[in-house]
Amino acid sequence: MIRELKNLKELKGFKSLILNIQKSKLDIHNY
């Protein structure tokens, strides 16, 4: 159970990391 929670937290962090990368890519395209 605790391990699953940790994995979920890591998955969330991974998702936000990808979103941040996509956002910065969009920012680069806007210039």
PDB file of N, CA and C in Angstrom:
ATOM      1  N   MET A   1       0.841  -1.204   0.000  1.00  0.00           N
ATOM      2  CA  MET A   1       0.000   0.000   0.000  1.00  0.00           C
ATOM      3  C   MET A   1       0.874   1.251   0.000  1.00  0.00           C
ATOM      4  N   ILE A   2       1.822   1.297   0.934  1.00  0.00           N
ATOM      5  CA  ILE A   2       2.693   2.477   1.007  1.00  0.00           C
ATOM      6  C   ILE A   2       3.520   2.591  -0.265  1.00  0.00           C
ATOM      7  N   ARG A   3       3.965   1.453  -0.780  1.00  0.00           N
ATOM      8  CA  ARG A   3       4.772   1.472  -2.002  1.00  0.00           C
ATOM      9  C   ARG A   3       3.936   1.998  -3.172  1.00  0.00           C
ATOM     10  N   GLU A   4       2.678   1.593  -3.220  1.00  0.00           N
ATOM     11  CA  GLU A   4       1.798   2.066  -4.291  1.00  0.00           C
ATOM     12  C   GLU A   4       1.617   3.571  -4.210  1.00  0.00           C
ATOM     13  N   LEU A   5       1.473   4.082  -2.994  1.00  0.00           N
ATOM     14  CA  LEU A   5       1.329   5.530  -2.812  1.00  0.00           C
ATOM     15  C   LEU A   5       2.578   6.241  -3.311  1.00  0.00           C
ATOM     16  N   LYS A   6       3.740   5.674  -3.003  1.00  0.00           N
ATOM     17  CA  LYS A   6       4.993   6.290  -3.451  1.00  0.00           C
ATOM     18  C   LYS A   6       5.058   6.292  -4.973  1.00  0.00           C
ATOM     19  N   ASN A   7       4.642   5.183  -5.578  1.00  0.00           N
ATOM     20  CA  ASN A   7       4.653   5.108  -7.042  1.00  0.00           C
ATOM     21  C   ASN A   7       3.705   6.133  -7.641  1.00  0.00           C
ATOM     22  N   LEU A   8       2.549   6.321  -7.009  1.00  0.00           N
ATOM     23  CA  LEU A   8       1.573   7.291  -7.500  1.00  0.00           C
ATOM     24  C   LEU A   8       2.160   8.697  -7.427  1.00  0.00           C
ATOM     25  N   LYS A   9       2.868   8.966  -6.316  1.00  0.00           N
ATOM     26  CA  LYS A   9       3.488  10.281  -6.149  1.00  0.00           C
ATOM     27  C   LYS A   9       4.553  10.489  -7.220  1.00  0.00           C
ATOM     28  N   GLU A  10       5.340   9.475  -7.484  1.00  0.00           N
ATOM     29  CA  GLU A  10       6.379   9.585  -8.505  1.00  0.00           C
ATOM     30  C   GLU A  10       5.755   9.779  -9.881  1.00  0.00           C
ATOM     31  N   LEU A  11       4.645   9.082 -10.127  1.00  0.00           N
ATOM     32  CA  LEU A  11       3.961   9.201 -11.413  1.00  0.00           C
ATOM     33  C   LEU A  11       3.457  10.628 -11.598  1.00  0.00           C
ATOM     34  N   LYS A  12       2.898  11.199 -10.518  1.00  0.00           N
ATOM     35  CA  LYS A  12       2.411  12.578 -10.579  1.00  0.00           C
ATOM     36  C   LYS A  12       3.565  13.531 -10.875  1.00  0.00           C
ATOM     37  N   GLY A  13       4.683  13.327 -10.188  1.00  0.00           N
ATOM     38  CA  GLY A  13       5.840  14.181 -10.407  1.00  0.00           C
ATOM     39  C   GLY A  13       6.341  14.043 -11.842  1.00  0.00           C
ATOM     40  N   PHE A  14       6.317  12.821 -12.364  1.00  0.00           N
ATOM     41  CA  PHE A  14       6.763  12.572 -13.735  1.00  0.00           C
ATOM     42  C   PHE A  14       5.852  13.285 -14.722  1.00  0.00           C
ATOM     43  N   LYS A  15       4.537  13.224 -14.444  1.00  0.00           N
ATOM     44  CA  LYS A  15       3.561  13.888 -15.307  1.00  0.00           C
ATOM     45  C   LYS A  15       3.796  15.396 -15.330  1.00  0.00           C
ATOM     46  N   SER A  16       3.977  15.983 -14.153  1.00  0.00           N
ATOM     47  CA  SER A  16       4.177  17.434 -14.093  1.00  0.00           C
ATOM     48  C   SER A  16       5.499  17.809 -14.750  1.00  0.00           C
ATOM     49  N   LEU A  17       6.488  16.915 -14.650  1.00  0.00           N
ATOM     50  CA  LEU A  17       7.778  17.170 -15.304  1.00  0.00           C
ATOM     51  C   LEU A  17       7.573  17.236 -16.816  1.00  0.00           C
ATOM     52  N   ILE A  18       6.811  16.284 -17.352  1.00  0.00           N
ATOM     53  CA  ILE A  18       6.530  16.269 -18.795  1.00  0.00           C
ATOM     54  C   ILE A  18       5.757  17.524 -19.194  1.00  0.00           C
ATOM     55  N   LEU A  19       4.773  17.902 -18.371  1.00  0.00           N
ATOM     56  CA  LEU A  19       3.978  19.093 -18.668  1.00  0.00           C
ATOM     57  C   LEU A  19       4.878  20.327 -18.700  1.00  0.00           C
ATOM     58  N   ASN A  20       5.815  20.410 -17.757  1.00  0.00           N
ATOM     59  CA  ASN A  20       6.725  21.552 -17.721  1.00  0.00           C
ATOM     60  C   ASN A  20       7.594  21.588 -18.966  1.00  0.00           C
ATOM     61  N   ILE A  21       8.054  20.428 -19.411  1.00  0.00           N
ATOM     62  CA  ILE A  21       8.880  20.362 -20.622  1.00  0.00           C
ATOM     63  C   ILE A  21       8.066  20.810 -21.827  1.00  0.00           C
ATOM     64  N   GLN A  22       6.828  20.329 -21.927  1.00  0.00           N
ATOM     65  CA  GLN A  22       5.967  20.719 -23.044  1.00  0.00           C
ATOM     66  C   GLN A  22       5.702  22.216 -23.005  1.00  0.00           C
ATOM     67  N   LYS A  23       5.498  22.751 -21.800  1.00  0.00           N
ATOM     68  CA  LYS A  23       5.229  24.182 -21.662  1.00  0.00           C
ATOM     69  C   LYS A  23       6.430  24.999 -22.115  1.00  0.00           C
ATOM     70  N   SER A  24       7.620  24.587 -21.703  1.00  0.00           N
ATOM     71  CA  SER A  24       8.817  25.337 -22.089  1.00  0.00           C
ATOM     72  C   SER A  24       9.058  25.217 -23.594  1.00  0.00           C
ATOM     73  N   LYS A  25       8.694  24.083 -24.177  1.00  0.00           N
ATOM     74  CA  LYS A  25       8.821  23.933 -25.629  1.00  0.00           C
ATOM     75  C   LYS A  25       7.890  24.923 -26.326  1.00  0.00           C
ATOM     76  N   LEU A  26       6.676  25.054 -25.790  1.00  0.00           N
ATOM     77  CA  LEU A  26       5.713  26.005 -26.358  1.00  0.00           C
ATOM     78  C   LEU A  26       6.252  27.424 -26.221  1.00  0.00           C
ATOM     79  N   ASP A  27       6.854  27.731 -25.081  1.00  0.00           N
ATOM     80  CA  ASP A  27       7.412  29.064 -24.869  1.00  0.00           C
ATOM     81  C   ASP A  27       8.489  29.346 -25.898  1.00  0.00           C
ATOM     82  N   ILE A  28       9.313  28.345 -26.193  1.00  0.00           N
ATOM     83  CA  ILE A  28      10.379  28.518 -27.185  1.00  0.00           C
ATOM     84  C   ILE A  28       9.766  28.793 -28.557  1.00  0.00           C
ATOM     85  N   HIS A  29       8.689  28.085 -28.886  1.00  0.00           N
ATOM     86  CA  HIS A  29       8.045  28.280 -30.192  1.00  0.00           C
ATOM     87  C   HIS A  29       7.408  29.660 -30.307  1.00  0.00           C
ATOM     88  N   ASN A  30       6.985  30.219 -29.172  1.00  0.00           N
ATOM     89  CA  ASN A  30       6.325  31.519 -29.210  1.00  0.00           C
ATOM     90  C   ASN A  30       7.302  32.653 -29.521  1.00  0.00           C
ATOM     91  N   TYR A  31       8.578  32.423 -29.271  1.00  0.00           N
ATOM     92  CA  TYR A  31       9.554  33.498 -29.518  1.00  0.00           C
ATOM     93  C   TYR A  31       9.829  33.663 -31.002  1.00  0.00           C
TER      94      TYR A  31
END
